[in-house]
PDB file of N, CA and C in Angstrom:
ATOM      1  N   MET A   1    -241.983  51.290-201.958  1.00  0.00           N
ATOM      2  CA  MET A   1    -242.708  50.593-203.017  1.00  0.00           C
ATOM      3  C   MET A   1    -244.172  51.009-203.009  1.00  0.00           C
ATOM      4  N   LEU A   2    -244.686  51.115-204.137  1.00  0.00           N
ATOM      5  CA  LEU A   2    -246.084  51.502-204.307  1.00  0.00           C
ATOM      6  C   LEU A   2    -247.022  50.409-203.811  1.00  0.00           C
ATOM      7  N   LEU A   3    -246.642  49.152-203.970  1.00  0.00           N
ATOM      8  CA  LEU A   3    -247.484  48.058-203.521  1.00  0.00           C
ATOM      9  C   LEU A   3    -247.707  48.074-202.027  1.00  0.00           C
ATOM     10  N   SER A   4    -246.706  48.456-201.277  1.00  0.00           N
ATOM     11  CA  SER A   4    -246.842  48.464-199.803  1.00  0.00           C
ATOM     12  C   SER A   4    -247.927  49.428-199.343  1.00  0.00           C
ATOM     13  N   ASN A   5    -248.191  50.485-200.112  1.00  0.00           N
ATOM     14  CA  ASN A   5    -249.233  51.439-199.754  1.00  0.00           C
ATOM     15  C   ASN A   5    -250.631  51.002-200.208  1.00  0.00           C
ATOM     16  N   TYR A   6    -250.717  50.422-201.393  1.00  0.00           N
ATOM     17  CA  TYR A   6    -252.019  50.146-201.970  1.00  0.00           C
ATOM     18  C   TYR A   6    -252.411  48.692-202.009  1.00  0.00           C
ATOM     19  N   ALA A   7    -251.504  47.789-201.760  1.00  0.00           N
ATOM     20  CA  ALA A   7    -251.856  46.358-201.788  1.00  0.00           C
ATOM     21  C   ALA A   7    -251.308  45.675-200.541  1.00  0.00           C
ATOM     22  N   GLY A   8    -251.689  46.181-199.385  1.00  0.00           N
ATOM     23  CA  GLY A   8    -251.211  45.639-198.121  1.00  0.00           C
ATOM     24  C   GLY A   8    -251.579  44.184-197.946  1.00  0.00           C
ATOM     25  N   GLY A   9    -252.738  43.794-198.340  1.00  0.00           N
ATOM     26  CA  GLY A   9    -253.166  42.403-198.225  1.00  0.00           C
ATOM     27  C   GLY A   9    -252.290  41.480-199.056  1.00  0.00           C
ATOM     28  N   PHE A  10    -251.984  41.888-200.252  1.00  0.00           N
ATOM     29  CA  PHE A  10    -251.134  41.075-201.131  1.00  0.00           C
ATOM     30  C   PHE A  10    -249.727  41.001-200.573  1.00  0.00           C
ATOM     31  N   MET A  11    -249.201  42.121-200.108  1.00  0.00           N
ATOM     32  CA  MET A  11    -247.839  42.137-199.601  1.00  0.00           C
ATOM     33  C   MET A  11    -247.693  41.319-198.344  1.00  0.00           C
ATOM     34  N   GLY A  12    -248.783  41.167-197.586  1.00  0.00           N
ATOM     35  CA  GLY A  12    -248.736  40.376-196.366  1.00  0.00           C
ATOM     36  C   GLY A  12    -248.981  38.904-196.566  1.00  0.00           C
ATOM     37  N   THR A  13    -249.188  38.489-197.816  1.00  0.00           N
ATOM     38  CA  THR A  13    -249.446  37.087-198.127  1.00  0.00           C
ATOM     39  C   THR A  13    -248.214  36.244-197.771  1.00  0.00           C
ATOM     40  N   LYS A  14    -248.445  35.217-197.002  1.00  0.00           N
ATOM     41  CA  LYS A  14    -247.350  34.318-196.612  1.00  0.00           C
ATOM     42  C   LYS A  14    -246.928  33.469-197.812  1.00  0.00           C
ATOM     43  N   VAL A  15    -245.609  33.388-197.988  1.00  0.00           N
ATOM     44  CA  VAL A  15    -245.050  32.578-199.074  1.00  0.00           C
ATOM     45  C   VAL A  15    -244.583  31.248-198.527  1.00  0.00           C
ATOM     46  N   LEU A  16    -243.821  31.336-197.451  1.00  0.00           N
ATOM     47  CA  LEU A  16    -243.246  30.138-196.850  1.00  0.00           C
ATOM     48  C   LEU A  16    -242.967  30.444-195.384  1.00  0.00           C
ATOM     49  N   GLY A  17    -243.683  29.852-194.468  1.00  0.00           N
ATOM     50  CA  GLY A  17    -243.501  30.096-193.052  1.00  0.00           C
ATOM     51  C   GLY A  17    -243.833  31.559-192.710  1.00  0.00           C
ATOM     52  N   ASN A  18    -242.887  32.277-192.135  1.00  0.00           N
ATOM     53  CA  ASN A  18    -243.087  33.696-191.789  1.00  0.00           C
ATOM     54  C   ASN A  18    -242.606  34.630-192.914  1.00  0.00           C
ATOM     55  N   VAL A  19    -242.216  34.098-194.037  1.00  0.00           N
ATOM     56  CA  VAL A  19    -241.756  34.892-195.152  1.00  0.00           C
ATOM     57  C   VAL A  19    -242.963  35.331-195.971  1.00  0.00           C
ATOM     58  N   ASN A  20    -243.122  36.639-196.167  1.00  0.00           N
ATOM     59  CA  ASN A  20    -244.227  37.120-196.970  1.00  0.00           C
ATOM     60  C   ASN A  20    -243.774  37.744-198.292  1.00  0.00           C
ATOM     61  N   VAL A  21    -244.693  38.158-199.112  1.00  0.00           N
ATOM     62  CA  VAL A  21    -244.381  38.708-200.417  1.00  0.00           C
ATOM     63  C   VAL A  21    -243.537  39.966-200.309  1.00  0.00           C
ATOM     64  N   ALA A  22    -243.801  40.788-199.308  1.00  0.00           N
ATOM     65  CA  ALA A  22    -243.026  42.034-199.135  1.00  0.00           C
ATOM     66  C   ALA A  22    -241.549  41.744-198.903  1.00  0.00           C
ATOM     67  N   LEU A  23    -241.267  40.745-198.085  1.00  0.00           N
ATOM     68  CA  LEU A  23    -239.871  40.381-197.820  1.00  0.00           C
ATOM     69  C   LEU A  23    -239.197  39.863-199.065  1.00  0.00           C
ATOM     70  N   VAL A  24    -239.902  39.017-199.813  1.00  0.00           N
ATOM     71  CA  VAL A  24    -239.344  38.464-201.057  1.00  0.00           C
ATOM     72  C   VAL A  24    -239.024  39.580-202.038  1.00  0.00           C
ATOM     73  N   LEU A  25    -239.947  40.519-202.219  1.00  0.00           N
ATOM     74  CA  LEU A  25    -239.727  41.608-203.165  1.00  0.00           C
ATOM     75  C   LEU A  25    -238.611  42.548-202.669  1.00  0.00           C
ATOM     76  N   GLY A  26    -238.555  42.798-201.361  1.00  0.00           N
ATOM     77  CA  GLY A  26    -237.490  43.632-200.810  1.00  0.00           C
ATOM     78  C   GLY A  26    -236.112  43.023-201.018  1.00  0.00           C
ATOM     79  N   LEU A  27    -235.991  41.740-200.765  1.00  0.00           N
ATOM     80  CA  LEU A  27    -234.698  41.082-201.005  1.00  0.00           C
ATOM     81  C   LEU A  27    -234.374  41.006-202.494  1.00  0.00           C
ATOM     82  N   GLY A  28    -235.400  40.841-203.291  1.00  0.00           N
ATOM     83  CA  GLY A  28    -235.193  40.839-204.764  1.00  0.00           C
ATOM     84  C   GLY A  28    -234.678  42.179-205.237  1.00  0.00           C
ATOM     85  N   GLN A  29    -235.094  43.243-204.603  1.00  0.00           N
ATOM     86  CA  GLN A  29    -234.627  44.576-204.989  1.00  0.00           C
ATOM     87  C   GLN A  29    -233.121  44.705-204.718  1.00  0.00           C
ATOM     88  N   PHE A  30    -232.661  44.191-203.583  1.00  0.00           N
ATOM     89  CA  PHE A  30    -231.247  44.230-203.308  1.00  0.00           C
ATOM     90  C   PHE A  30    -230.469  43.375-204.308  1.00  0.00           C
ATOM     91  N   LEU A  31    -230.967  42.188-204.606  1.00  0.00           N
ATOM     92  CA  LEU A  31    -230.292  41.316-205.531  1.00  0.00           C
ATOM     93  C   LEU A  31    -230.175  41.936-206.893  1.00  0.00           C
ATOM     94  N   THR A  32    -231.245  42.533-207.396  1.00  0.00           N
ATOM     95  CA  THR A  32    -231.181  43.156-208.719  1.00  0.00           C
ATOM     96  C   THR A  32    -230.255  44.349-208.732  1.00  0.00           C
ATOM     97  N   THR A  33    -230.177  45.094-207.629  1.00  0.00           N
ATOM     98  CA  THR A  33    -229.268  46.217-207.557  1.00  0.00           C
ATOM     99  C   THR A  33    -227.830  45.769-207.715  1.00  0.00           C
ATOM    100  N   PHE A  34    -227.452  44.714-206.944  1.00  0.00           N
ATOM    101  CA  PHE A  34    -226.086  44.213-207.018  1.00  0.00           C
ATOM    102  C   PHE A  34    -225.823  43.558-208.393  1.00  0.00           C
ATOM    103  N   LEU A  35    -226.792  42.908-208.964  1.00  0.00           N
ATOM    104  CA  LEU A  35    -226.649  42.303-210.302  1.00  0.00           C
ATOM    105  C   LEU A  35    -226.387  43.381-211.337  1.00  0.00           C
ATOM    106  N   ILE A  36    -227.139  44.450-211.332  1.00  0.00           N
ATOM    107  CA  ILE A  36    -226.963  45.520-212.296  1.00  0.00           C
ATOM    108  C   ILE A  36    -225.600  46.180-212.102  1.00  0.00           C
ATOM    109  N   ALA A  37    -225.174  46.393-210.857  1.00  0.00           N
ATOM    110  CA  ALA A  37    -223.874  46.995-210.604  1.00  0.00           C
ATOM    111  C   ALA A  37    -222.753  46.081-211.096  1.00  0.00           C
ATOM    112  N   TRP A  38    -222.878  44.792-210.890  1.00  0.00           N
ATOM    113  CA  TRP A  38    -221.869  43.843-211.349  1.00  0.00           C
ATOM    114  C   TRP A  38    -221.797  43.790-212.884  1.00  0.00           C
ATOM    115  N   LEU A  39    -222.963  43.787-213.521  1.00  0.00           N
ATOM    116  CA  LEU A  39    -222.999  43.772-214.980  1.00  0.00           C
ATOM    117  C   LEU A  39    -222.389  45.042-215.575  1.00  0.00           C
ATOM    118  N   TYR A  40    -222.679  46.177-214.963  1.00  0.00           N
ATOM    119  CA  TYR A  40    -222.083  47.435-215.452  1.00  0.00           C
ATOM    120  C   TYR A  40    -220.568  47.438-215.238  1.00  0.00           C
ATOM    121  N   SER A  41    -220.139  46.914-214.135  1.00  0.00           N
ATOM    122  CA  SER A  41    -218.696  46.849-213.844  1.00  0.00           C
ATOM    123  C   SER A  41    -217.979  46.013-214.914  1.00  0.00           C
ATOM    124  N   ARG A  42    -218.570  44.883-215.269  1.00  0.00           N
ATOM    125  CA  ARG A  42    -218.003  44.052-216.334  1.00  0.00           C
ATOM    126  C   ARG A  42    -217.976  44.799-217.648  1.00  0.00           C
ATOM    127  N   HIS A  43    -219.089  45.435-217.995  1.00  0.00           N
ATOM    128  CA  HIS A  43    -219.176  46.211-219.230  1.00  0.00           C
ATOM    129  C   HIS A  43    -218.117  47.305-219.255  1.00  0.00           C
ATOM    130  N   ALA A  44    -217.974  48.027-218.180  1.00  0.00           N
ATOM    131  CA  ALA A  44    -216.989  49.114-218.120  1.00  0.00           C
ATOM    132  C   ALA A  44    -215.583  48.589-218.278  1.00  0.00           C
ATOM    133  N   ALA A  45    -215.293  47.466-217.598  1.00  0.00           N
ATOM    134  CA  ALA A  45    -213.937  46.904-217.660  1.00  0.00           C
ATOM    135  C   ALA A  45    -213.612  46.410-219.071  1.00  0.00           C
ATOM    136  N   ASN A  46    -214.597  45.847-219.743  1.00  0.00           N
ATOM    137  CA  ASN A  46    -214.338  45.247-221.066  1.00  0.00           C
ATOM    138  C   ASN A  46    -214.433  46.234-222.198  1.00  0.00           C
ATOM    139  N   ARG A  47    -215.331  47.209-222.131  1.00  0.00           N
ATOM    140  CA  ARG A  47    -215.584  48.115-223.247  1.00  0.00           C
ATOM    141  C   ARG A  47    -215.111  49.541-223.014  1.00  0.00           C
ATOM    142  N   LEU A  48    -215.354  50.077-221.841  1.00  0.00           N
ATOM    143  CA  LEU A  48    -215.052  51.494-221.633  1.00  0.00           C
ATOM    144  C   LEU A  48    -213.608  51.764-221.207  1.00  0.00           C
ATOM    145  N   ASP A  49    -213.071  50.946-220.341  1.00  0.00           N
ATOM    146  CA  ASP A  49    -211.722  51.156-219.857  1.00  0.00           C
ATOM    147  C   ASP A  49    -210.674  51.117-220.960  1.00  0.00           C
ATOM    148  N   PRO A  50    -210.736  50.169-221.897  1.00  0.00           N
ATOM    149  CA  PRO A  50    -209.732  50.199-222.995  1.00  0.00           C
ATOM    150  C   PRO A  50    -209.822  51.490-223.825  1.00  0.00           C
ATOM    151  N   LYS A  51    -211.024  51.967-224.063  1.00  0.00           N
ATOM    152  CA  LYS A  51    -211.175  53.230-224.832  1.00  0.00           C
ATOM    153  C   LYS A  51    -210.613  54.391-224.038  1.00  0.00           C
ATOM    154  N   ALA A  52    -210.892  54.424-222.725  1.00  0.00           N
ATOM    155  CA  ALA A  52    -210.369  55.514-221.898  1.00  0.00           C
ATOM    156  C   ALA A  52    -208.842  55.455-221.850  1.00  0.00           C
ATOM    157  N   GLU A  53    -208.290  54.269-221.779  1.00  0.00           N
ATOM    158  CA  GLU A  53    -206.802  54.127-221.746  1.00  0.00           C
ATOM    159  C   GLU A  53    -206.216  54.573-223.063  1.00  0.00           C
ATOM    160  N   ALA A  54    -206.878  54.281-224.177  1.00  0.00           N
ATOM    161  CA  ALA A  54    -206.361  54.719-225.470  1.00  0.00           C
ATOM    162  C   ALA A  54    -206.374  56.236-225.590  1.00  0.00           C
ATOM    163  N   ILE A  55    -207.437  56.853-225.114  1.00  0.00           N
ATOM    164  CA  ILE A  55    -207.520  58.306-225.126  1.00  0.00           C
ATOM    165  C   ILE A  55    -206.440  58.908-224.239  1.00  0.00           C
ATOM    166  N   LYS A  56    -206.244  58.320-223.064  1.00  0.00           N
ATOM    167  CA  LYS A  56    -205.223  58.832-222.126  1.00  0.00           C
ATOM    168  C   LYS A  56    -203.841  58.711-222.747  1.00  0.00           C
ATOM    169  N   SER A  57    -203.548  57.575-223.379  1.00  0.00           N
ATOM    170  CA  SER A  57    -202.239  57.388-224.009  1.00  0.00           C
ATOM    171  C   SER A  57    -202.024  58.383-225.122  1.00  0.00           C
ATOM    172  N   ARG A  58    -203.050  58.621-225.928  1.00  0.00           N
ATOM    173  CA  ARG A  58    -202.938  59.582-227.008  1.00  0.00           C
ATOM    174  C   ARG A  58    -202.706  61.004-226.496  1.00  0.00           C
ATOM    175  N   MET A  59    -203.427  61.357-225.422  1.00  0.00           N
ATOM    176  CA  MET A  59    -203.275  62.709-224.870  1.00  0.00           C
ATOM    177  C   MET A  59    -201.902  62.899-224.214  1.00  0.00           C
ATOM    178  N   GLU A  60    -201.429  61.857-223.525  1.00  0.00           N
ATOM    179  CA  GLU A  60    -200.126  61.982-222.888  1.00  0.00           C
ATOM    180  C   GLU A  60    -198.995  61.918-223.904  1.00  0.00           C
ATOM    181  N   GLY A  61    -199.221  61.251-225.008  1.00  0.00           N
ATOM    182  CA  GLY A  61    -198.216  61.153-226.068  1.00  0.00           C
ATOM    183  C   GLY A  61    -197.995  62.475-226.784  1.00  0.00           C
ATOM    184  N   ASP A  62    -199.066  63.305-226.868  1.00  0.00           N
ATOM    185  CA  ASP A  62    -199.008  64.599-227.521  1.00  0.00           C
ATOM    186  C   ASP A  62    -198.330  65.672-226.648  1.00  0.00           C
ATOM    187  N   ALA A  63    -198.247  65.417-225.361  1.00  0.00           N
ATOM    188  CA  ALA A  63    -197.732  66.425-224.419  1.00  0.00           C
ATOM    189  C   ALA A  63    -196.273  66.565-224.481  1.00  0.00           C
TER     190      ALA A  63
END
């Protein structure tokens, strides 16, 4: 993260007990990564997979 290099004081700010801003942002990065992956998985299952299955059926039907 860019903030860890240039805003060390801010990143070291205590939020709650021994939890600082850097830890909160780091955990937030993991959470958003999993959220984005989950949302894409839902999108693919609902929108892309049916189209791929239709193309596959059409291609196998012509063979």
